[in-house]
Amino acid sequence: MEKFIYDNSNGLWYELHGDYYLPCLVIPEKEIHTIGIWGRKHQQYLREHRPIIYSDLVLSGKLFSYLADIDTQARNKLDLLVTQLAEKESINEHLKAQDQMA
């Protein structure tokens, strides 16, 4: 039996391991994405409640870029909400320096 074979129907190479041919699959190396707490929470949500979407993202190699994007969006939204709340409550640097508990 040959060590490697090529399947024209799906375009994959297969390698002989024992009595079985297994596909030669490699994960493409991409840039490293930093995923924060919001990205990890979304990953947990996808894994528990949307397993098909999670599997699709993993198999396509887009999971970490997707989670990094979600994390960035969530952090930006949190910063915006904190800024808006501070403006609404009239909190400024002078007030924080004068009376921190107020």
Protein backbone atom coordinates (compact mmCIF):
# COMPACT_ATOMS: atom_id res chain seq x y z
CA MET A 1 0.00 0.00 0.00
CA GLU A 2 1.19 3.48 -0.77
CA LYS A 3 2.23 5.78 2.10
CA PHE A 4 0.39 8.81 0.63
CA ILE A 5 -2.57 8.97 -1.74
CA TYR A 6 -4.43 11.91 -3.27
CA ASP A 7 -8.21 12.02 -3.58
CA ASN A 8 -9.34 14.03 -6.62
CA SER A 9 -12.95 14.24 -5.43
CA ASN A 10 -12.14 16.38 -2.37
CA GLY A 11 -8.57 17.54 -3.06
CA LEU A 12 -7.03 16.04 0.07
CA TRP A 13 -3.90 14.02 0.64
CA TYR A 14 -4.15 10.94 2.87
CA GLU A 15 -1.35 9.26 4.83
CA LEU A 16 -1.31 5.59 5.74
CA HIS A 17 -1.37 4.95 9.52
CA GLY A 18 -1.52 1.24 10.25
CA ASP A 19 -4.40 -0.08 8.16
CA TYR A 20 -6.15 3.28 7.72
CA TYR A 21 -5.65 6.32 5.54
CA LEU A 22 -6.04 9.52 7.54
CA PRO A 23 -6.33 12.96 5.92
CA CYS A 24 -3.25 15.17 6.10
CA LEU A 25 -4.83 18.22 7.70
CA VAL A 26 -2.94 21.23 8.97
CA ILE A 27 -4.25 24.31 10.71
CA PRO A 28 -3.06 27.41 8.88
CA GLU A 29 -0.82 29.53 11.05
CA LYS A 30 -2.32 32.95 11.57
CA GLU A 31 -1.35 35.92 13.66
CA ILE A 32 -1.79 35.56 17.38
CA HIS A 33 -4.95 37.20 18.73
CA THR A 34 -5.29 38.37 22.30
CA ILE A 35 -8.62 37.34 23.74
CA GLY A 36 -9.81 39.00 26.93
CA ILE A 37 -12.55 38.16 29.36
CA TRP A 38 -15.41 39.09 27.02
CA GLY A 39 -14.01 36.95 24.22
CA ARG A 40 -13.64 34.00 26.58
CA LYS A 41 -17.17 34.45 27.89
CA HIS A 42 -18.49 34.50 24.33
CA GLN A 43 -16.48 31.38 23.52
CA GLN A 44 -18.07 29.62 26.50
CA TYR A 45 -21.51 30.77 25.34
CA LEU A 46 -20.89 29.46 21.82
CA ARG A 47 -19.58 26.15 23.12
CA GLU A 48 -22.59 25.60 25.40
CA HIS A 49 -25.48 27.12 23.43
CA ARG A 50 -24.38 27.31 19.78
CA PRO A 51 -22.21 24.22 19.18
CA ILE A 52 -22.71 24.21 15.41
CA ILE A 53 -21.51 27.80 15.03
CA TYR A 54 -18.62 27.06 17.41
CA SER A 55 -17.58 23.99 15.41
CA ASP A 56 -17.84 25.90 12.14
CA LEU A 57 -15.59 28.68 13.46
CA VAL A 58 -13.06 26.17 14.80
CA LEU A 59 -12.93 24.15 11.59
CA SER A 60 -12.65 27.23 9.37
CA GLY A 61 -9.83 28.63 11.54
CA LYS A 62 -11.70 31.88 12.24
CA LEU A 63 -12.55 31.33 15.90
CA PHE A 64 -9.74 33.35 17.48
CA SER A 65 -10.05 36.33 15.14
CA TYR A 66 -13.83 36.30 15.73
CA LEU A 67 -13.38 36.17 19.52
CA ALA A 68 -10.74 38.92 19.44
CA ASP A 69 -13.17 41.11 17.47
CA ILE A 70 -15.99 40.41 19.94
CA ASP A 71 -13.66 41.23 22.85
CA THR A 72 -12.62 44.53 21.26
CA GLN A 73 -16.23 45.52 20.59
CA ALA A 74 -17.26 44.69 24.17
CA ARG A 75 -14.37 46.65 25.71
CA ASN A 76 -15.15 49.67 23.50
CA LYS A 77 -18.83 49.51 24.48
CA LEU A 78 -17.92 49.26 28.19
CA ASP A 79 -15.62 52.30 27.92
CA LEU A 80 -18.38 54.24 26.17
CA LEU A 81 -20.97 53.30 28.81
CA VAL A 82 -18.67 54.26 31.70
CA THR A 83 -17.92 57.61 30.06
CA GLN A 84 -21.62 58.30 29.43
CA LEU A 85 -22.53 57.36 33.00
CA ALA A 86 -19.82 59.63 34.40
CA GLU A 87 -21.14 62.54 32.31
CA LYS A 88 -24.74 61.83 33.34
CA GLU A 89 -23.84 61.76 37.05
CA SER A 90 -21.58 64.85 36.70
CA ILE A 91 -18.50 62.98 37.83
CA ASN A 92 -15.24 64.66 36.90
CA GLU A 93 -11.62 64.63 38.04
CA HIS A 94 -12.15 67.57 40.41
CA LEU A 95 -14.99 65.74 42.23
CA LYS A 96 -12.91 62.56 42.46
CA ALA A 97 -9.98 64.46 43.96
CA GLN A 98 -12.17 66.38 46.37
CA ASP A 99 -14.49 63.65 47.74
CA GLN A 100 -13.91 60.11 46.53
CA MET A 101 -16.85 58.62 48.39
CA ALA A 102 -19.35 61.04 46.82
